């Protein structure tokens, strides 16, 4: 249940609010100020109660004589956040914002300006494209939908072949997430133009709707990782919801089971349908040395299970806020060590179970280095289980790929 907060009229609020960059064209609200507070406004003269719900916390809004409700949130982390309005108990999108798919619905989203937002700001550099792709799946026996990023050089150099990254979203999100919330195309265009990343293709698919005929979705229900479940912990903003606090170490088999339960037959779809389709229809170098997989949260768990199950398929692996691969897990997977060129693991600095302590991505990377894996770890400063962590993670990971 979301917490309720009544923002006091005496709270110190800096009146330098500006329309959010994620607003619909011409809409003034919602707004963000230099304190990273969000101000929402809506006309609802017959409503008795209106609240701003952001990050699972509800903030009271006040009505003026014209029936217009206005209210502010507490300061938010930099980057993207899902939010909604609660009008007389009904949670609805804000008509002023653009809509994004997250929390298993289309709803409002807002970008809080960040000190490092330059890396995902559109610039006058060679522009690639993010295109819709429809394809038939032999596994699900129906048409499926994804997105493909093609770098500018794909068009400028029509004979060149390119590597590919298969990039997955989190729980409650879909194939639109990395392009819209994650700003993948912008990040890649800027990195390539700066000479920090080699040009490569990215395919983004839906990891939650890959079910065989007659197969029912299962989600998390009934699955428990090995080891005790500790209490406590902060509820994340989006993606998969950890059990809380320090996560128990999950074996490769555990991750494979969880990924299967969440994603249905996605592993089969990826291996049997998506990769062959991409390699048939696009100028792709079709070998493991030029193939990568990565994902955030649930997508990171899927990456974990799929790459361990198919160690000769991907040479580059990225897990963003999705746990770790431990050195002990590779004992029975010698092909992973033989094939892998980069293993990257990241977390937000506020994700205590993964950012610090024995189970951190830093410790996991150090353990992997001792057995000869080219492992890298990254901690996103002052962010939690949210898109700013994952934008930064992609920015760091992309610079390691295919070099």
Protein backbone atom coordinates (compact mmCIF):
# COMPACT_ATOMS: atom_id res chain seq x y z
CA UNK A 1 0.00 0.00 0.00
CA UNK A 2 1.34 3.45 -0.96
CA UNK A 3 2.19 5.81 1.86
CA UNK A 4 0.30 9.11 2.19
CA UNK A 5 2.10 12.37 2.83
CA UNK A 6 0.50 15.76 3.42
CA UNK A 7 2.96 18.41 2.25
CA UNK A 8 2.83 21.32 4.66
CA UNK A 9 2.05 24.79 3.33
CA UNK A 10 5.00 26.06 5.36
CA UNK A 11 7.48 23.73 3.63
CA UNK A 12 10.29 25.62 1.94
CA UNK A 13 9.55 25.35 -1.77
CA UNK A 14 11.74 27.12 -4.32
CA UNK A 15 9.48 28.78 -6.87
CA UNK A 16 11.51 28.08 -9.99
CA UNK A 17 9.28 25.36 -11.42
CA UNK A 18 9.50 24.60 -15.14
CA UNK A 19 7.42 22.27 -17.33
CA UNK A 20 8.87 18.75 -17.40
CA UNK A 21 10.59 17.57 -20.56
CA UNK A 22 8.22 14.57 -20.59
CA UNK A 23 5.06 16.69 -20.89
CA UNK A 24 2.71 16.47 -23.83
CA UNK A 25 3.29 19.31 -26.27
CA UNK A 26 1.97 22.63 -24.95
CA UNK A 27 1.19 21.32 -21.46
CA UNK A 28 2.58 23.35 -18.55
CA UNK A 29 2.05 20.70 -15.86
CA UNK A 30 3.57 18.70 -14.32
CA UNK A 31 6.52 20.92 -13.41
CA UNK A 32 9.88 20.33 -11.71
CA UNK A 33 11.94 22.81 -9.68
CA UNK A 34 15.62 23.01 -8.76
CA UNK A 35 14.92 20.98 -5.59
CA UNK A 36 13.73 18.14 -7.85
CA UNK A 37 10.19 18.51 -6.47
CA UNK A 38 7.30 17.68 -8.80
CA UNK A 39 4.29 20.01 -8.95
CA UNK A 40 1.12 18.61 -10.51
CA UNK A 41 -2.10 20.40 -11.36
CA UNK A 42 -5.49 19.26 -12.63
CA UNK A 43 -8.97 20.75 -12.94
CA UNK A 44 -11.46 18.55 -11.05
CA UNK A 45 -14.07 20.87 -9.52
CA UNK A 46 -16.38 18.08 -8.35
CA UNK A 47 -13.66 15.97 -6.74
CA UNK A 48 -13.38 15.73 -2.97
CA UNK A 49 -9.77 14.52 -2.80
CA UNK A 50 -6.85 14.59 -5.24
CA UNK A 51 -3.36 13.27 -4.55
CA UNK A 52 -0.11 13.06 -6.49
CA UNK A 53 1.23 9.48 -6.34
CA UNK A 54 4.91 9.20 -7.25
CA UNK A 55 7.32 6.50 -6.18
CA UNK A 56 4.56 4.79 -4.20
CA UNK A 57 4.07 7.86 -1.98
CA UNK A 58 0.89 9.96 -2.17
CA UNK A 59 1.06 13.72 -1.68
CA UNK A 60 -2.03 15.79 -0.88
CA UNK A 61 -3.12 18.38 -3.45
CA UNK A 62 -5.26 21.46 -2.65
CA UNK A 63 -8.23 22.88 -4.54
CA UNK A 64 -8.65 26.58 -5.34
CA UNK A 65 -11.87 28.53 -5.88
CA UNK A 66 -11.99 27.48 -9.54
CA UNK A 67 -11.80 23.77 -8.76
CA UNK A 68 -8.15 23.44 -9.82
CA UNK A 69 -6.04 21.13 -7.65
CA UNK A 70 -2.29 21.76 -7.16
CA UNK A 71 0.31 19.96 -5.08
CA UNK A 72 3.99 19.11 -4.79
CA UNK A 73 6.02 16.00 -4.03
CA UNK A 74 9.11 15.68 -1.90
CA UNK A 75 12.45 15.93 -3.79
CA UNK A 76 12.90 12.99 -6.16
CA UNK A 77 15.97 11.14 -7.42
CA UNK A 78 17.36 12.37 -10.72
CA UNK A 79 15.99 10.65 -13.79
CA UNK A 80 12.75 8.98 -14.82
CA UNK A 81 9.81 8.12 -12.52
CA UNK A 82 6.38 6.61 -13.06
CA UNK A 83 3.56 8.53 -11.36
CA UNK A 84 -0.20 8.97 -11.36
CA UNK A 85 -2.98 11.07 -9.85
CA UNK A 86 -5.46 9.71 -7.34
CA UNK A 87 -8.87 11.33 -7.69
CA UNK A 88 -11.44 10.30 -5.08
CA UNK A 89 -9.69 6.97 -4.72
CA UNK A 90 -9.29 6.25 -8.44
CA UNK A 91 -5.71 6.18 -9.77
CA UNK A 92 -5.55 7.77 -13.23
CA UNK A 93 -2.87 9.09 -15.61
CA UNK A 94 -2.05 12.78 -15.59
CA UNK A 95 -3.44 14.28 -18.84
CA UNK A 96 -0.42 16.60 -19.00
CA UNK A 97 2.28 13.95 -19.31
CA UNK A 98 3.33 11.58 -22.05
CA UNK A 99 2.44 7.97 -21.37
CA UNK A 100 4.87 5.11 -20.80
CA UNK A 101 4.39 1.41 -20.22
CA UNK A 102 5.42 0.49 -16.66
CA UNK A 103 3.88 -1.16 -13.58
CA UNK A 104 1.98 -3.35 -16.11
CA UNK A 105 -0.01 -0.41 -17.51
CA UNK A 106 0.24 2.64 -19.73
CA UNK A 107 0.53 5.68 -17.48
CA UNK A 108 2.30 8.92 -16.68
CA UNK A 109 6.02 9.39 -16.43
CA UNK A 110 8.28 12.31 -15.58
CA UNK A 111 11.97 13.02 -16.06
CA UNK A 112 13.73 14.85 -13.24
CA UNK A 113 16.70 16.85 -14.62
CA UNK A 114 20.05 15.23 -13.82
CA UNK A 115 23.55 16.62 -13.52
CA UNK A 116 24.79 14.03 -16.01
CA UNK A 117 21.87 14.15 -18.46
CA UNK A 118 24.17 15.25 -21.29
CA UNK A 119 24.81 11.63 -22.25
CA UNK A 120 21.11 11.07 -23.04
CA UNK A 121 20.35 14.51 -24.51
CA UNK A 122 19.64 14.73 -28.24
CA UNK A 123 22.53 16.39 -30.08
CA UNK A 124 23.45 17.35 -33.61
CA UNK A 125 25.32 14.11 -34.30
CA UNK A 126 24.72 11.36 -36.88
CA UNK A 127 21.34 9.87 -35.99
CA UNK A 128 20.51 6.19 -35.95
CA UNK A 129 16.94 4.92 -35.80
CA UNK A 130 14.72 2.83 -33.52
CA UNK A 131 12.30 0.85 -35.70
CA UNK A 132 9.34 -1.41 -35.01
CA UNK A 133 9.72 -5.04 -36.03
CA UNK A 134 7.00 -7.67 -36.44
CA UNK A 135 8.00 -11.31 -36.85
CA UNK A 136 6.48 -14.78 -36.62
CA UNK A 137 7.50 -16.98 -33.71
CA UNK A 138 7.68 -20.72 -34.31
CA UNK A 139 7.63 -21.18 -30.51
CA UNK A 140 4.49 -19.17 -29.65
CA UNK A 141 2.95 -19.73 -33.11
CA UNK A 142 1.92 -16.11 -33.46
CA UNK A 143 3.24 -12.75 -34.58
CA UNK A 144 5.46 -10.90 -32.11
CA UNK A 145 6.66 -7.32 -31.80
CA UNK A 146 10.00 -5.75 -30.93
CA UNK A 147 12.20 -2.74 -31.64
CA UNK A 148 15.59 -2.55 -33.32
CA UNK A 149 18.18 0.22 -33.01
CA UNK A 150 20.27 0.69 -36.15
CA UNK A 151 23.26 3.06 -35.85
CA UNK A 152 23.72 5.85 -38.39
CA UNK A 153 26.57 3.94 -40.02
CA UNK A 154 24.19 1.09 -40.87
CA UNK A 155 22.69 3.41 -43.48
CA UNK A 156 25.87 5.31 -44.40
CA UNK A 157 27.94 2.17 -45.03
CA UNK A 158 25.62 -0.33 -46.79
CA UNK A 159 28.20 -3.13 -46.98
CA UNK A 160 29.31 -3.14 -43.36
CA UNK A 161 28.29 -5.94 -40.97
CA UNK A 162 27.50 -5.18 -37.32
CA UNK A 163 27.50 -6.83 -33.87
CA UNK A 164 24.22 -7.11 -31.93
CA UNK A 165 23.11 -6.55 -28.33
CA UNK A 166 19.87 -8.21 -27.20
CA UNK A 167 18.54 -5.88 -24.48
CA UNK A 168 15.71 -6.74 -22.06
CA UNK A 169 13.34 -4.66 -19.90
CA UNK A 170 12.14 -5.20 -16.32
CA UNK A 171 9.05 -6.63 -14.63
CA UNK A 172 5.85 -4.74 -15.49
CA UNK A 173 7.48 -3.18 -18.56
CA UNK A 174 7.65 -4.20 -22.21
CA UNK A 175 9.61 -3.79 -25.44
CA UNK A 176 9.00 -0.01 -25.49
CA UNK A 177 10.88 0.57 -22.22
CA UNK A 178 14.48 0.79 -23.36
CA UNK A 179 13.67 3.09 -26.28
CA UNK A 180 11.32 5.44 -24.39
CA UNK A 181 12.26 5.45 -20.70
CA UNK A 182 15.81 4.23 -21.32
CA UNK A 183 16.62 6.61 -24.21
CA UNK A 184 18.71 3.86 -25.80
CA UNK A 185 18.94 5.37 -29.30
CA UNK A 186 20.05 8.76 -27.98
CA UNK A 187 22.64 7.22 -25.66
CA UNK A 188 24.10 5.13 -28.49
CA UNK A 189 24.14 7.96 -31.05
CA UNK A 190 26.06 10.17 -28.61
CA UNK A 191 28.51 7.43 -27.59
CA UNK A 192 29.28 6.48 -31.19
CA UNK A 193 29.69 10.11 -32.27
CA UNK A 194 32.13 10.67 -29.39
CA UNK A 195 34.15 7.59 -30.36
CA UNK A 196 33.39 5.95 -27.02
CA UNK A 197 31.48 2.98 -28.46
CA UNK A 198 31.70 1.03 -31.69
CA UNK A 199 28.53 1.02 -33.81
CA UNK A 200 26.30 -1.97 -33.08
CA UNK A 201 22.67 -3.02 -33.45
CA UNK A 202 20.33 -3.42 -30.46
CA UNK A 203 17.22 -5.60 -30.46
CA UNK A 204 14.60 -5.02 -27.73
CA UNK A 205 11.80 -7.54 -27.25
CA UNK A 206 9.04 -8.32 -24.77
CA UNK A 207 10.31 -10.82 -22.20
CA UNK A 208 6.94 -11.32 -20.48
CA UNK A 209 4.53 -12.42 -23.22
CA UNK A 210 6.39 -15.38 -24.74
CA UNK A 211 3.96 -18.21 -24.06
CA UNK A 212 3.42 -21.38 -26.04
CA UNK A 213 -0.12 -22.19 -27.17
CA UNK A 214 -2.18 -23.07 -24.09
CA UNK A 215 0.53 -21.97 -21.63
CA UNK A 216 -0.67 -19.66 -18.85
CA UNK A 217 1.36 -16.80 -17.32
CA UNK A 218 2.83 -17.69 -13.92
CA UNK A 219 4.77 -14.65 -12.66
CA UNK A 220 6.61 -15.00 -9.35
CA UNK A 221 3.94 -17.11 -7.69
CA UNK A 222 5.17 -20.18 -5.87
CA UNK A 223 8.87 -19.62 -6.61
CA UNK A 224 11.31 -19.23 -3.75
CA UNK A 225 15.07 -18.92 -4.18
CA UNK A 226 17.34 -21.15 -2.19
CA UNK A 227 18.42 -19.75 1.18
CA UNK A 228 16.62 -17.67 3.83
CA UNK A 229 14.55 -14.61 2.99
CA UNK A 230 15.64 -11.71 5.21
CA UNK A 231 13.21 -9.03 6.29
CA UNK A 232 13.19 -5.29 5.61
CA UNK A 233 14.47 -3.33 2.65
CA UNK A 234 13.21 -0.44 0.56
CA UNK A 235 10.51 -0.96 -2.02
CA UNK A 236 11.98 -0.25 -5.49
CA UNK A 237 10.46 2.15 -8.00
CA UNK A 238 10.05 -0.27 -10.88
CA UNK A 239 11.12 -3.56 -12.38
CA UNK A 240 11.22 -6.77 -10.36
CA UNK A 241 10.48 -6.37 -6.66
CA UNK A 242 13.17 -7.91 -4.46
CA UNK A 243 12.12 -9.73 -1.32
CA UNK A 244 13.86 -7.04 0.72
CA UNK A 245 17.20 -6.20 2.29
CA UNK A 246 20.19 -8.36 1.42
CA UNK A 247 19.17 -10.78 -1.31
CA UNK A 248 19.98 -14.43 -0.78
CA UNK A 249 22.49 -15.80 -3.25
CA UNK A 250 20.58 -17.44 -6.05
CA UNK A 251 22.13 -20.26 -8.02
CA UNK A 252 22.19 -20.28 -11.81
CA UNK A 253 19.45 -22.90 -11.68
CA UNK A 254 17.36 -20.59 -9.47
CA UNK A 255 17.72 -17.72 -11.90
CA UNK A 256 16.88 -19.95 -14.84
CA UNK A 257 13.72 -21.14 -13.04
CA UNK A 258 12.67 -17.59 -12.10
CA UNK A 259 13.35 -16.29 -15.61
CA UNK A 260 11.33 -19.13 -17.08
CA UNK A 261 8.46 -18.50 -14.65
CA UNK A 262 8.39 -14.78 -15.42
CA UNK A 263 9.09 -14.95 -19.14
CA UNK A 264 7.41 -18.18 -20.18
CA UNK A 265 9.13 -19.47 -23.30
CA UNK A 266 11.18 -16.32 -23.88
CA UNK A 267 14.49 -18.17 -23.86
CA UNK A 268 13.27 -20.43 -26.66
CA UNK A 269 11.85 -17.47 -28.57
CA UNK A 270 15.18 -15.63 -28.30
CA UNK A 271 17.32 -18.58 -29.39
CA UNK A 272 15.00 -20.11 -32.00
CA UNK A 273 13.19 -17.07 -33.41
CA UNK A 274 14.65 -13.66 -32.56
CA UNK A 275 18.35 -14.27 -33.17
CA UNK A 276 17.77 -16.15 -36.46
CA UNK A 277 15.32 -13.44 -37.62
CA UNK A 278 17.78 -10.62 -36.86
CA UNK A 279 20.65 -12.47 -38.52
CA UNK A 280 18.55 -13.18 -41.62
CA UNK A 281 17.10 -9.71 -42.12
CA UNK A 282 19.88 -7.38 -40.98
CA UNK A 283 23.60 -7.07 -41.74
CA UNK A 284 24.80 -8.90 -38.65
CA UNK A 285 28.02 -10.75 -37.81
CA UNK A 286 26.49 -14.06 -36.75
CA UNK A 287 28.83 -15.46 -34.12
CA UNK A 288 29.22 -15.33 -30.34
CA UNK A 289 32.10 -12.85 -30.48
CA UNK A 290 29.72 -10.31 -31.99
CA UNK A 291 26.68 -11.11 -29.86
CA UNK A 292 25.76 -9.66 -26.44
CA UNK A 293 22.84 -9.92 -24.03
CA UNK A 294 21.88 -7.60 -21.19
CA UNK A 295 18.85 -6.62 -19.16
CA UNK A 296 17.61 -4.65 -16.19
CA UNK A 297 16.07 -6.18 -13.06
CA UNK A 298 13.92 -9.07 -14.35
CA UNK A 299 15.66 -8.73 -17.71
CA UNK A 300 18.95 -9.08 -15.88
CA UNK A 301 17.68 -12.28 -14.27
CA UNK A 302 16.66 -13.54 -17.70
CA UNK A 303 20.10 -12.63 -19.03
CA UNK A 304 21.66 -14.55 -16.14
CA UNK A 305 19.73 -17.74 -16.82
CA UNK A 306 19.83 -17.59 -20.63
CA UNK A 307 23.55 -16.88 -20.95
CA UNK A 308 24.46 -19.66 -18.51
CA UNK A 309 22.17 -22.04 -20.39
CA UNK A 310 23.65 -20.97 -23.74
CA UNK A 311 27.30 -20.21 -22.91
CA UNK A 312 28.52 -20.45 -26.53
CA UNK A 313 25.92 -17.97 -27.83
CA UNK A 314 26.91 -14.68 -26.14
CA UNK A 315 30.42 -13.36 -25.50
CA UNK A 316 29.25 -10.21 -23.70
CA UNK A 317 26.87 -10.23 -20.73
CA UNK A 318 25.33 -7.31 -18.78
CA UNK A 319 23.19 -7.56 -15.64
CA UNK A 320 21.72 -4.26 -14.40
CA UNK A 321 20.09 -4.42 -10.93
CA UNK A 322 19.37 -8.08 -11.53
CA UNK A 323 21.67 -9.80 -9.07
CA UNK A 324 25.08 -11.26 -9.83
CA UNK A 325 26.80 -14.23 -11.40
CA UNK A 326 29.10 -15.77 -8.81
CA UNK A 327 32.39 -17.51 -9.59
CA UNK A 328 31.00 -20.69 -8.03
CA UNK A 329 28.22 -20.80 -10.64
CA UNK A 330 30.74 -21.18 -13.46
CA UNK A 331 32.31 -24.37 -12.07
CA UNK A 332 29.98 -26.53 -14.14
CA UNK A 333 29.83 -24.15 -17.13
CA UNK A 334 33.35 -24.20 -18.60
CA UNK A 335 32.09 -22.95 -21.97
CA UNK A 336 30.99 -19.67 -20.39
CA UNK A 337 34.52 -18.87 -19.28
CA UNK A 338 35.92 -19.95 -22.65
CA UNK A 339 33.48 -17.78 -24.63
CA UNK A 340 32.93 -14.73 -22.42
CA UNK A 341 34.83 -11.53 -23.16
CA UNK A 342 33.05 -9.12 -20.77
CA UNK A 343 30.74 -9.72 -17.79
CA UNK A 344 29.28 -6.45 -16.47
CA UNK A 345 27.15 -6.12 -13.32
CA UNK A 346 25.65 -2.91 -11.93
CA UNK A 347 23.28 -1.51 -9.31
CA UNK A 348 22.02 1.78 -7.95
CA UNK A 349 23.87 3.19 -4.97
CA UNK A 350 20.63 3.00 -2.95
CA UNK A 351 20.11 -0.69 -3.76
CA UNK A 352 21.81 -1.78 -0.57
CA UNK A 353 21.66 -5.51 -1.23
CA UNK A 354 23.56 -5.16 -4.50
CA UNK A 355 25.57 -1.96 -4.02
CA UNK A 356 27.40 -2.92 -0.85
CA UNK A 357 28.17 -5.86 1.39
CA UNK A 358 29.05 -9.45 0.70
CA UNK A 359 26.47 -9.85 -2.07
CA UNK A 360 27.43 -6.68 -3.96
CA UNK A 361 28.20 -6.49 -7.66
CA UNK A 362 31.66 -5.22 -6.67
CA UNK A 363 32.46 -8.33 -4.65
CA UNK A 364 31.05 -10.59 -7.34
CA UNK A 365 33.23 -8.95 -9.99
CA UNK A 366 36.34 -9.31 -7.85
CA UNK A 367 35.60 -13.00 -7.36
CA UNK A 368 35.14 -13.50 -11.08
CA UNK A 369 38.41 -11.76 -11.89
CA UNK A 370 40.22 -14.31 -9.73
CA UNK A 371 39.09 -17.12 -12.04
CA UNK A 372 40.02 -15.25 -15.21
CA UNK A 373 36.72 -13.55 -16.15
CA UNK A 374 36.95 -10.00 -17.53
CA UNK A 375 34.38 -8.79 -14.98
CA UNK A 376 33.30 -5.18 -14.44
CA UNK A 377 31.07 -3.60 -11.79
CA UNK A 378 29.38 -0.21 -11.69
CA UNK A 379 27.43 1.62 -8.97
CA UNK A 380 25.13 4.45 -10.07
CA UNK A 381 25.52 7.34 -7.59
CA UNK A 382 22.47 8.22 -5.47
CA UNK A 383 19.90 6.22 -7.44
CA UNK A 384 17.75 3.21 -6.55
CA UNK A 385 15.92 0.55 -8.59
CA UNK A 386 15.02 3.02 -11.33
CA UNK A 387 15.71 4.09 -14.89
CA UNK A 388 18.55 6.50 -14.11
CA UNK A 389 20.51 3.53 -12.76
CA UNK A 390 19.83 1.60 -15.96
CA UNK A 391 20.52 4.48 -18.36
CA UNK A 392 23.89 4.94 -16.70
CA UNK A 393 24.47 1.19 -16.75
CA UNK A 394 23.86 0.99 -20.50
CA UNK A 395 26.16 3.98 -21.02
CA UNK A 396 28.96 2.20 -19.15
CA UNK A 397 28.33 -1.27 -20.63
CA UNK A 398 28.13 -0.07 -24.24
CA UNK A 399 31.66 1.31 -24.03
CA UNK A 400 32.99 -2.20 -23.24
CA UNK A 401 31.30 -4.03 -26.09
CA UNK A 402 32.85 -5.54 -29.22
CA UNK A 403 36.31 -4.04 -28.74
